Amino acid sequence: MIGLLAMAAVMASDAPDPTNGNGLYELCTGKVDDQLQCVRFIQGALDEYRALVSIKAVAEVVCVPPNAEVGQVVEVVTNRLRDHPEKRQYGSGSLIFGALMEVFPCANRVSR
């Protein structure tokens, strides 16, 4: 729910539309205010995903280490958008999780 509220707050402004890769990349590489909206959007998407995993509504395929900082996660996504401009027309959700699955797959998770 918090993730959805964060996404709604981002979309209510005059900023680029973060629901596709072009808009999200523009936010993530824009002015400081835009970058903050980028962080909130990506964090909201990740929070929503974690909530869905916790109720077993989706499979756990992304395992961001607990000590990873939000900035790292945002950098992973931004780098993927920068490196693959040919994919930016797709929805930001699939682009965010595509990037995170590549860098933080659950198969590499170390159990304690």
C-alpha atoms as a PDB file:
ATOM      1  CA  MET A   1       0.000   0.000   0.000  1.00  0.00           C
ATOM      2  CA  ILE A   2       2.823   2.399   0.855  1.00  0.00           C
ATOM      3  CA  GLY A   3       4.421   1.626  -2.505  1.00  0.00           C
ATOM      4  CA  LEU A   4       1.222   2.551  -4.317  1.00  0.00           C
ATOM      5  CA  LEU A   5       0.944   5.804  -2.381  1.00  0.00           C
ATOM      6  CA  ALA A   6       4.547   6.701  -3.202  1.00  0.00           C
ATOM      7  CA  MET A   7       3.918   6.014  -6.881  1.00  0.00           C
ATOM      8  CA  ALA A   8       0.748   8.131  -6.824  1.00  0.00           C
ATOM      9  CA  ALA A   9       2.631  11.026  -5.224  1.00  0.00           C
ATOM     10  CA  VAL A  10       5.296  10.891  -7.915  1.00  0.00           C
ATOM     11  CA  MET A  11       2.737  10.797 -10.706  1.00  0.00           C
ATOM     12  CA  ALA A  12       0.797  13.783  -9.310  1.00  0.00           C
ATOM     13  CA  SER A  13       3.643  16.230 -10.037  1.00  0.00           C
ATOM     14  CA  ASP A  14       4.826  17.879 -13.262  1.00  0.00           C
ATOM     15  CA  ALA A  15       7.773  15.497 -13.399  1.00  0.00           C
ATOM     16  CA  PRO A  16       8.279  12.956 -16.198  1.00  0.00           C
ATOM     17  CA  ASP A  17       6.035   9.891 -16.155  1.00  0.00           C
ATOM     18  CA  PRO A  18       7.986   7.169 -14.284  1.00  0.00           C
ATOM     19  CA  THR A  19       5.708   4.351 -15.439  1.00  0.00           C
ATOM     20  CA  ASN A  20       7.928   3.688 -18.450  1.00  0.00           C
ATOM     21  CA  GLY A  21      11.697   3.466 -18.707  1.00  0.00           C
ATOM     22  CA  ASN A  22      12.094   6.752 -20.567  1.00  0.00           C
ATOM     23  CA  GLY A  23      10.360   8.752 -17.861  1.00  0.00           C
ATOM     24  CA  LEU A  24      12.029   6.864 -15.039  1.00  0.00           C
ATOM     25  CA  TYR A  25      15.476   7.397 -16.571  1.00  0.00           C
ATOM     26  CA  GLU A  26      14.713  11.089 -17.027  1.00  0.00           C
ATOM     27  CA  LEU A  27      13.792  11.322 -13.337  1.00  0.00           C
ATOM     28  CA  CYS A  28      16.791   9.340 -12.154  1.00  0.00           C
ATOM     29  CA  THR A  29      19.234  11.487 -14.131  1.00  0.00           C
ATOM     30  CA  GLY A  30      17.466  14.817 -13.709  1.00  0.00           C
ATOM     31  CA  LYS A  31      17.472  17.585 -11.136  1.00  0.00           C
ATOM     32  CA  VAL A  32      17.738  16.781  -7.437  1.00  0.00           C
ATOM     33  CA  ASP A  33      13.953  16.944  -6.970  1.00  0.00           C
ATOM     34  CA  ASP A  34      13.494  14.530  -9.884  1.00  0.00           C
ATOM     35  CA  GLN A  35      16.139  12.203  -8.477  1.00  0.00           C
ATOM     36  CA  LEU A  36      14.294  12.102  -5.156  1.00  0.00           C
ATOM     37  CA  GLN A  37      11.116  11.115  -6.998  1.00  0.00           C
ATOM     38  CA  CYS A  38      13.106   8.401  -8.793  1.00  0.00           C
ATOM     39  CA  VAL A  39      14.294   7.038  -5.444  1.00  0.00           C
ATOM     40  CA  ARG A  40      10.764   7.085  -4.034  1.00  0.00           C
ATOM     41  CA  PHE A  41       9.354   5.368  -7.117  1.00  0.00           C
ATOM     42  CA  ILE A  42      11.936   2.559  -7.121  1.00  0.00           C
ATOM     43  CA  GLN A  43      11.706   2.134  -3.342  1.00  0.00           C
ATOM     44  CA  GLY A  44       7.910   2.031  -3.605  1.00  0.00           C
ATOM     45  CA  ALA A  45       8.076  -0.649  -6.286  1.00  0.00           C
ATOM     46  CA  LEU A  46      10.485  -2.690  -4.165  1.00  0.00           C
ATOM     47  CA  ASP A  47       8.325  -2.271  -1.041  1.00  0.00           C
ATOM     48  CA  GLU A  48       5.248  -3.396  -2.963  1.00  0.00           C
ATOM     49  CA  TYR A  49       7.132  -6.422  -4.306  1.00  0.00           C
ATOM     50  CA  ARG A  50       8.290  -7.365  -0.801  1.00  0.00           C
ATOM     51  CA  ALA A  51       4.723  -7.077   0.484  1.00  0.00           C
ATOM     52  CA  LEU A  52       3.480  -9.373  -2.297  1.00  0.00           C
ATOM     53  CA  VAL A  53       6.258 -11.870  -1.542  1.00  0.00           C
ATOM     54  CA  SER A  54       5.375 -11.810   2.156  1.00  0.00           C
ATOM     55  CA  ILE A  55       1.802 -12.903   1.426  1.00  0.00           C
ATOM     56  CA  LYS A  56       3.039 -15.389  -1.180  1.00  0.00           C
ATOM     57  CA  ALA A  57       1.233 -13.598  -4.018  1.00  0.00           C
ATOM     58  CA  VAL A  58       4.402 -13.677  -6.147  1.00  0.00           C
ATOM     59  CA  ALA A  59       7.536 -15.801  -6.187  1.00  0.00           C
ATOM     60  CA  GLU A  60      10.654 -14.405  -4.583  1.00  0.00           C
ATOM     61  CA  VAL A  61      13.063 -13.856  -7.481  1.00  0.00           C
ATOM     62  CA  VAL A  62      14.823 -10.694  -6.265  1.00  0.00           C
ATOM     63  CA  CYS A  63      16.881 -10.897  -3.086  1.00  0.00           C
ATOM     64  CA  VAL A  64      18.389  -7.515  -2.336  1.00  0.00           C
ATOM     65  CA  PRO A  65      20.863  -8.017   0.519  1.00  0.00           C
ATOM     66  CA  PRO A  66      19.607  -6.567   3.801  1.00  0.00           C
ATOM     67  CA  ASN A  67      22.681  -4.328   4.072  1.00  0.00           C
ATOM     68  CA  ALA A  68      22.243  -2.853   0.570  1.00  0.00           C
ATOM     69  CA  GLU A  69      21.424   0.835   0.618  1.00  0.00           C
ATOM     70  CA  VAL A  70      18.591   2.383  -1.370  1.00  0.00           C
ATOM     71  CA  GLY A  71      21.151   4.343  -3.372  1.00  0.00           C
ATOM     72  CA  GLN A  72      22.736   1.100  -4.559  1.00  0.00           C
ATOM     73  CA  VAL A  73      19.393  -0.244  -5.743  1.00  0.00           C
ATOM     74  CA  VAL A  74      18.623   2.996  -7.582  1.00  0.00           C
ATOM     75  CA  GLU A  75      22.083   2.961  -9.176  1.00  0.00           C
ATOM     76  CA  VAL A  76      21.578  -0.604 -10.407  1.00  0.00           C
ATOM     77  CA  VAL A  77      18.298   0.384 -12.063  1.00  0.00           C
ATOM     78  CA  THR A  78      19.649   3.663 -13.474  1.00  0.00           C
ATOM     79  CA  ASN A  79      22.723   1.940 -14.908  1.00  0.00           C
ATOM     80  CA  ARG A  80      20.547  -0.676 -16.582  1.00  0.00           C
ATOM     81  CA  LEU A  81      18.355   2.052 -18.108  1.00  0.00           C
ATOM     82  CA  ARG A  82      21.459   3.928 -19.276  1.00  0.00           C
ATOM     83  CA  ASP A  83      23.054   0.817 -20.772  1.00  0.00           C
ATOM     84  CA  HIS A  84      19.883  -0.374 -22.538  1.00  0.00           C
ATOM     85  CA  PRO A  85      18.104   2.628 -24.092  1.00  0.00           C
ATOM     86  CA  GLU A  86      16.471   0.259 -26.592  1.00  0.00           C
ATOM     87  CA  LYS A  87      14.321  -1.117 -23.756  1.00  0.00           C
ATOM     88  CA  ARG A  88      13.201   2.124 -22.122  1.00  0.00           C
ATOM     89  CA  GLN A  89       9.799   2.130 -23.835  1.00  0.00           C
ATOM     90  CA  TYR A  90       8.746  -0.800 -21.630  1.00  0.00           C
ATOM     91  CA  GLY A  91       6.994  -0.470 -18.294  1.00  0.00           C
ATOM     92  CA  SER A  92       9.203   0.621 -15.451  1.00  0.00           C
ATOM     93  CA  GLY A  93       8.104  -2.267 -13.217  1.00  0.00           C
ATOM     94  CA  SER A  94       9.492  -4.879 -15.583  1.00  0.00           C
ATOM     95  CA  LEU A  95      12.647  -2.813 -16.135  1.00  0.00           C
ATOM     96  CA  ILE A  96      13.234  -2.309 -12.413  1.00  0.00           C
ATOM     97  CA  PHE A  97      12.835  -5.979 -11.609  1.00  0.00           C
ATOM     98  CA  GLY A  98      14.773  -7.094 -14.675  1.00  0.00           C
ATOM     99  CA  ALA A  99      17.735  -5.063 -13.441  1.00  0.00           C
ATOM    100  CA  LEU A 100      17.388  -6.266  -9.843  1.00  0.00           C
ATOM    101  CA  MET A 101      16.979  -9.930 -10.847  1.00  0.00           C
ATOM    102  CA  GLU A 102      20.214  -9.709 -12.816  1.00  0.00           C
ATOM    103  CA  VAL A 103      22.212  -8.190  -9.957  1.00  0.00           C
ATOM    104  CA  PHE A 104      20.417  -9.623  -6.905  1.00  0.00           C
ATOM    105  CA  PRO A 105      19.022 -13.031  -7.909  1.00  0.00           C
ATOM    106  CA  CYS A 106      17.733 -15.187  -5.078  1.00  0.00           C
ATOM    107  CA  ALA A 107      19.823 -18.119  -6.291  1.00  0.00           C
ATOM    108  CA  ASN A 108      22.926 -16.310  -5.009  1.00  0.00           C
ATOM    109  CA  ARG A 109      21.476 -15.555  -1.592  1.00  0.00           C
ATOM    110  CA  VAL A 110      23.629 -16.757   1.272  1.00  0.00           C
ATOM    111  CA  SER A 111      21.524 -18.312   4.006  1.00  0.00           C
ATOM    112  CA  ARG A 112      22.457 -17.718   7.619  1.00  0.00           C
END
